[in-house]
Amino acid sequence: MPDRENRQSQKNYIFNQVSGEVFPLDKEEMKDVMSVREREVLRCIRAGMSSKDIAEKLTLSVNTVNRHRQNILQKLRVRNSHEAISIYNKMYNQDDTSL
């Protein structure tokens, strides 16, 4: 039983470096925070693609891709794409290339 108690007490948090706010990372609630398209855009960002390249691959306008990027940052409460990828990997407990 102590092992179970340790797992329950080891919770992950998102720390907003701008505001100083701390948000508990509830993986079940957070899994649906981003749309399918936003996850596709984040996967492309993680692959190192530019907004222009993402737009061509997903047949979107560059403005739409940039709006998705802004939405991702807002929804994950981070300042940049690197932090978004890091948080998303932690949410899904993965280091592979599939988002």
N, C-alpha and C. Protein backbone atom coordinates (compact mmCIF):
# COMPACT_ATOMS: atom_id res chain seq x y z
N MET A 1 0.79 -1.21 0.00
CA MET A 1 0.00 0.00 0.00
C MET A 1 0.83 1.27 0.00
N PRO A 2 2.01 1.29 0.65
CA PRO A 2 2.79 2.53 0.61
C PRO A 2 3.15 2.95 -0.82
N ASP A 3 3.37 1.96 -1.70
CA ASP A 3 3.71 2.28 -3.08
C ASP A 3 2.55 3.01 -3.76
N ARG A 4 1.33 2.58 -3.49
CA ARG A 4 0.15 3.24 -4.04
C ARG A 4 0.02 4.67 -3.51
N GLU A 5 0.28 4.86 -2.25
CA GLU A 5 0.21 6.20 -1.66
C GLU A 5 1.26 7.11 -2.27
N ASN A 6 2.46 6.58 -2.53
CA ASN A 6 3.51 7.39 -3.15
C ASN A 6 3.11 7.83 -4.55
N ARG A 7 2.49 6.92 -5.32
CA ARG A 7 2.07 7.27 -6.67
C ARG A 7 0.99 8.35 -6.66
N GLN A 8 0.09 8.28 -5.71
CA GLN A 8 -0.97 9.27 -5.64
C GLN A 8 -0.45 10.63 -5.21
N SER A 9 0.58 10.67 -4.39
CA SER A 9 1.11 11.95 -3.93
C SER A 9 2.06 12.58 -4.94
N GLN A 10 2.50 11.81 -5.94
CA GLN A 10 3.42 12.34 -6.95
C GLN A 10 2.62 12.89 -8.12
N LYS A 11 2.13 14.10 -7.98
CA LYS A 11 1.34 14.73 -9.03
C LYS A 11 2.22 15.68 -9.82
N ASN A 12 1.86 15.85 -11.07
CA ASN A 12 2.57 16.77 -11.93
C ASN A 12 1.85 18.11 -11.95
N TYR A 13 2.60 19.16 -12.18
CA TYR A 13 2.04 20.50 -12.20
C TYR A 13 2.58 21.26 -13.40
N ILE A 14 1.82 22.21 -13.85
CA ILE A 14 2.28 23.17 -14.85
C ILE A 14 2.56 24.46 -14.09
N PHE A 15 3.77 24.97 -14.22
CA PHE A 15 4.14 26.21 -13.57
C PHE A 15 4.23 27.30 -14.63
N ASN A 16 3.39 28.31 -14.54
CA ASN A 16 3.40 29.42 -15.47
C ASN A 16 4.49 30.39 -15.03
N GLN A 17 5.57 30.46 -15.80
CA GLN A 17 6.70 31.29 -15.43
C GLN A 17 6.41 32.78 -15.52
N VAL A 18 5.42 33.14 -16.30
CA VAL A 18 5.08 34.55 -16.45
C VAL A 18 4.28 35.04 -15.24
N SER A 19 3.22 34.30 -14.90
CA SER A 19 2.34 34.75 -13.83
C SER A 19 2.68 34.15 -12.47
N GLY A 20 3.47 33.06 -12.46
CA GLY A 20 3.79 32.39 -11.21
C GLY A 20 2.71 31.43 -10.74
N GLU A 21 1.66 31.27 -11.54
CA GLU A 21 0.58 30.37 -11.16
C GLU A 21 1.01 28.91 -11.30
N VAL A 22 0.46 28.06 -10.44
CA VAL A 22 0.72 26.63 -10.50
C VAL A 22 -0.61 25.94 -10.75
N PHE A 23 -0.62 25.08 -11.76
CA PHE A 23 -1.83 24.35 -12.12
C PHE A 23 -1.56 22.86 -12.01
N PRO A 24 -2.41 22.14 -11.28
CA PRO A 24 -2.24 20.68 -11.23
C PRO A 24 -2.47 20.11 -12.62
N LEU A 25 -1.68 19.14 -12.99
CA LEU A 25 -1.77 18.52 -14.31
C LEU A 25 -2.62 17.26 -14.19
N ASP A 26 -3.88 17.40 -14.48
CA ASP A 26 -4.81 16.28 -14.46
C ASP A 26 -4.82 15.70 -15.86
N LYS A 27 -4.11 14.61 -16.05
CA LYS A 27 -3.92 14.05 -17.38
C LYS A 27 -5.23 13.71 -18.07
N GLU A 28 -6.20 13.21 -17.35
CA GLU A 28 -7.47 12.84 -17.97
C GLU A 28 -8.21 14.06 -18.51
N GLU A 29 -8.23 15.14 -17.76
CA GLU A 29 -8.90 16.35 -18.22
C GLU A 29 -8.12 17.05 -19.32
N MET A 30 -6.81 16.99 -19.26
CA MET A 30 -5.98 17.73 -20.20
C MET A 30 -5.88 17.05 -21.57
N LYS A 31 -6.17 15.76 -21.65
CA LYS A 31 -6.01 15.06 -22.92
C LYS A 31 -6.88 15.65 -24.02
N ASP A 32 -8.01 16.21 -23.65
CA ASP A 32 -8.91 16.76 -24.65
C ASP A 32 -8.85 18.27 -24.75
N VAL A 33 -7.85 18.87 -24.14
CA VAL A 33 -7.77 20.33 -24.13
C VAL A 33 -7.48 20.89 -25.52
N MET A 34 -6.74 20.16 -26.34
CA MET A 34 -6.41 20.62 -27.68
C MET A 34 -7.21 19.85 -28.72
N SER A 35 -7.54 20.54 -29.80
CA SER A 35 -8.26 19.89 -30.89
C SER A 35 -7.32 18.95 -31.64
N VAL A 36 -7.89 18.11 -32.47
CA VAL A 36 -7.10 17.19 -33.29
C VAL A 36 -6.15 17.99 -34.18
N ARG A 37 -6.65 19.07 -34.76
CA ARG A 37 -5.83 19.89 -35.65
C ARG A 37 -4.68 20.55 -34.88
N GLU A 38 -4.94 21.01 -33.67
CA GLU A 38 -3.87 21.61 -32.86
C GLU A 38 -2.81 20.58 -32.53
N ARG A 39 -3.23 19.35 -32.27
CA ARG A 39 -2.24 18.28 -32.02
C ARG A 39 -1.42 18.00 -33.27
N GLU A 40 -2.06 18.05 -34.43
CA GLU A 40 -1.33 17.87 -35.69
C GLU A 40 -0.29 18.98 -35.87
N VAL A 41 -0.70 20.20 -35.61
CA VAL A 41 0.22 21.34 -35.72
C VAL A 41 1.37 21.18 -34.74
N LEU A 42 1.07 20.78 -33.51
CA LEU A 42 2.12 20.60 -32.51
C LEU A 42 3.09 19.48 -32.92
N ARG A 43 2.57 18.43 -33.52
CA ARG A 43 3.44 17.35 -34.01
C ARG A 43 4.39 17.90 -35.08
N CYS A 44 3.88 18.74 -35.96
CA CYS A 44 4.73 19.35 -37.00
C CYS A 44 5.76 20.29 -36.40
N ILE A 45 5.34 21.05 -35.40
CA ILE A 45 6.29 21.95 -34.72
C ILE A 45 7.40 21.13 -34.09
N ARG A 46 7.01 20.04 -33.45
CA ARG A 46 8.01 19.17 -32.81
C ARG A 46 8.99 18.59 -33.83
N ALA A 47 8.51 18.40 -35.06
CA ALA A 47 9.37 17.88 -36.12
C ALA A 47 10.27 18.97 -36.70
N GLY A 48 10.10 20.21 -36.21
CA GLY A 48 10.97 21.29 -36.64
C GLY A 48 10.47 22.05 -37.86
N MET A 49 9.21 21.88 -38.19
CA MET A 49 8.66 22.54 -39.37
C MET A 49 8.29 24.00 -39.07
N SER A 50 8.44 24.84 -40.07
CA SER A 50 8.04 26.25 -39.96
C SER A 50 6.53 26.35 -40.19
N SER A 51 5.97 27.49 -39.87
CA SER A 51 4.53 27.70 -40.10
C SER A 51 4.19 27.53 -41.57
N LYS A 52 5.05 28.01 -42.44
CA LYS A 52 4.82 27.88 -43.88
C LYS A 52 4.80 26.41 -44.30
N ASP A 53 5.75 25.64 -43.79
CA ASP A 53 5.81 24.21 -44.11
C ASP A 53 4.58 23.47 -43.57
N ILE A 54 4.19 23.83 -42.36
CA ILE A 54 3.00 23.21 -41.75
C ILE A 54 1.77 23.53 -42.58
N ALA A 55 1.65 24.77 -43.01
CA ALA A 55 0.50 25.18 -43.82
C ALA A 55 0.43 24.38 -45.11
N GLU A 56 1.56 24.19 -45.76
CA GLU A 56 1.58 23.41 -46.99
C GLU A 56 1.22 21.94 -46.73
N LYS A 57 1.76 21.37 -45.68
CA LYS A 57 1.51 19.96 -45.37
C LYS A 57 0.04 19.72 -45.02
N LEU A 58 -0.55 20.61 -44.23
CA LEU A 58 -1.92 20.42 -43.76
C LEU A 58 -2.95 21.14 -44.63
N THR A 59 -2.50 21.72 -45.72
CA THR A 59 -3.33 22.51 -46.63
C THR A 59 -4.17 23.55 -45.89
N LEU A 60 -3.45 24.39 -45.15
CA LEU A 60 -4.04 25.50 -44.41
C LEU A 60 -3.32 26.78 -44.82
N SER A 61 -3.88 27.91 -44.46
CA SER A 61 -3.15 29.16 -44.67
C SER A 61 -2.15 29.33 -43.53
N VAL A 62 -1.13 30.12 -43.77
CA VAL A 62 -0.13 30.39 -42.73
C VAL A 62 -0.80 31.09 -41.55
N ASN A 63 -1.77 31.96 -41.82
CA ASN A 63 -2.48 32.63 -40.73
C ASN A 63 -3.22 31.64 -39.85
N THR A 64 -3.83 30.63 -40.45
CA THR A 64 -4.54 29.62 -39.67
C THR A 64 -3.57 28.83 -38.81
N VAL A 65 -2.44 28.48 -39.37
CA VAL A 65 -1.41 27.75 -38.60
C VAL A 65 -0.96 28.60 -37.42
N ASN A 66 -0.71 29.87 -37.67
CA ASN A 66 -0.28 30.75 -36.58
C ASN A 66 -1.35 30.90 -35.50
N ARG A 67 -2.61 30.90 -35.91
CA ARG A 67 -3.71 30.95 -34.93
C ARG A 67 -3.73 29.67 -34.09
N HIS A 68 -3.51 28.53 -34.74
CA HIS A 68 -3.43 27.26 -34.00
C HIS A 68 -2.27 27.30 -33.00
N ARG A 69 -1.15 27.85 -33.44
CA ARG A 69 0.01 27.95 -32.54
C ARG A 69 -0.32 28.80 -31.33
N GLN A 70 -1.00 29.93 -31.53
CA GLN A 70 -1.40 30.79 -30.42
C GLN A 70 -2.36 30.05 -29.48
N ASN A 71 -3.32 29.33 -30.07
CA ASN A 71 -4.27 28.58 -29.25
C ASN A 71 -3.58 27.53 -28.40
N ILE A 72 -2.60 26.86 -28.97
CA ILE A 72 -1.85 25.83 -28.23
C ILE A 72 -1.17 26.46 -27.03
N LEU A 73 -0.50 27.58 -27.23
CA LEU A 73 0.21 28.25 -26.13
C LEU A 73 -0.76 28.68 -25.05
N GLN A 74 -1.91 29.21 -25.45
CA GLN A 74 -2.91 29.65 -24.47
C GLN A 74 -3.49 28.47 -23.70
N LYS A 75 -3.84 27.42 -24.41
CA LYS A 75 -4.48 26.27 -23.76
C LYS A 75 -3.53 25.55 -22.80
N LEU A 76 -2.25 25.48 -23.17
CA LEU A 76 -1.28 24.81 -22.30
C LEU A 76 -0.65 25.78 -21.31
N ARG A 77 -1.00 27.06 -21.43
CA ARG A 77 -0.51 28.10 -20.51
C ARG A 77 1.01 28.17 -20.48
N VAL A 78 1.59 28.26 -21.68
CA VAL A 78 3.05 28.33 -21.81
C VAL A 78 3.40 29.53 -22.69
N ARG A 79 4.70 29.85 -22.73
CA ARG A 79 5.16 31.02 -23.47
C ARG A 79 5.68 30.72 -24.86
N ASN A 80 6.11 29.49 -25.10
CA ASN A 80 6.70 29.18 -26.40
C ASN A 80 6.46 27.73 -26.79
N SER A 81 6.78 27.41 -28.02
CA SER A 81 6.53 26.07 -28.57
C SER A 81 7.33 24.99 -27.84
N HIS A 82 8.54 25.32 -27.45
CA HIS A 82 9.37 24.35 -26.73
C HIS A 82 8.69 23.93 -25.43
N GLU A 83 8.15 24.88 -24.69
CA GLU A 83 7.44 24.56 -23.45
C GLU A 83 6.17 23.76 -23.75
N ALA A 84 5.48 24.10 -24.84
CA ALA A 84 4.26 23.38 -25.21
C ALA A 84 4.56 21.92 -25.50
N ILE A 85 5.63 21.66 -26.23
CA ILE A 85 6.01 20.29 -26.55
C ILE A 85 6.38 19.54 -25.28
N SER A 86 7.12 20.18 -24.41
CA SER A 86 7.53 19.57 -23.14
C SER A 86 6.31 19.20 -22.29
N ILE A 87 5.37 20.11 -22.16
CA ILE A 87 4.16 19.86 -21.38
C ILE A 87 3.34 18.74 -22.01
N TYR A 88 3.19 18.79 -23.32
CA TYR A 88 2.40 17.77 -24.00
C TYR A 88 3.02 16.39 -23.83
N ASN A 89 4.35 16.31 -23.92
CA ASN A 89 5.03 15.03 -23.71
C ASN A 89 4.78 14.51 -22.30
N LYS A 90 4.79 15.40 -21.33
CA LYS A 90 4.54 14.99 -19.95
C LYS A 90 3.10 14.55 -19.75
N MET A 91 2.18 15.23 -20.43
CA MET A 91 0.78 14.89 -20.31
C MET A 91 0.54 13.46 -20.80
N TYR A 92 1.21 13.10 -21.86
CA TYR A 92 1.01 11.79 -22.46
C TYR A 92 2.12 10.82 -22.09
N ASN A 93 3.07 11.28 -21.28
CA ASN A 93 4.15 10.42 -20.80
C ASN A 93 4.88 9.76 -21.98
N GLN A 94 5.25 10.53 -22.95
CA GLN A 94 5.88 9.97 -24.14
C GLN A 94 7.03 10.82 -24.61
N ASP A 95 7.96 10.16 -25.25
CA ASP A 95 9.08 10.86 -25.87
C ASP A 95 9.21 10.50 -27.34
N ASP A 96 8.23 9.78 -27.88
CA ASP A 96 8.31 9.39 -29.28
C ASP A 96 7.76 10.52 -30.15
N THR A 97 7.61 10.26 -31.43
CA THR A 97 7.21 11.30 -32.35
C THR A 97 5.71 11.34 -32.59
N SER A 98 4.96 10.46 -31.96
CA SER A 98 3.51 10.48 -32.20
C SER A 98 2.82 11.29 -31.11
N LEU A 99 2.10 12.30 -31.51
CA LEU A 99 1.33 13.10 -30.57
C LEU A 99 -0.06 12.63 -30.71
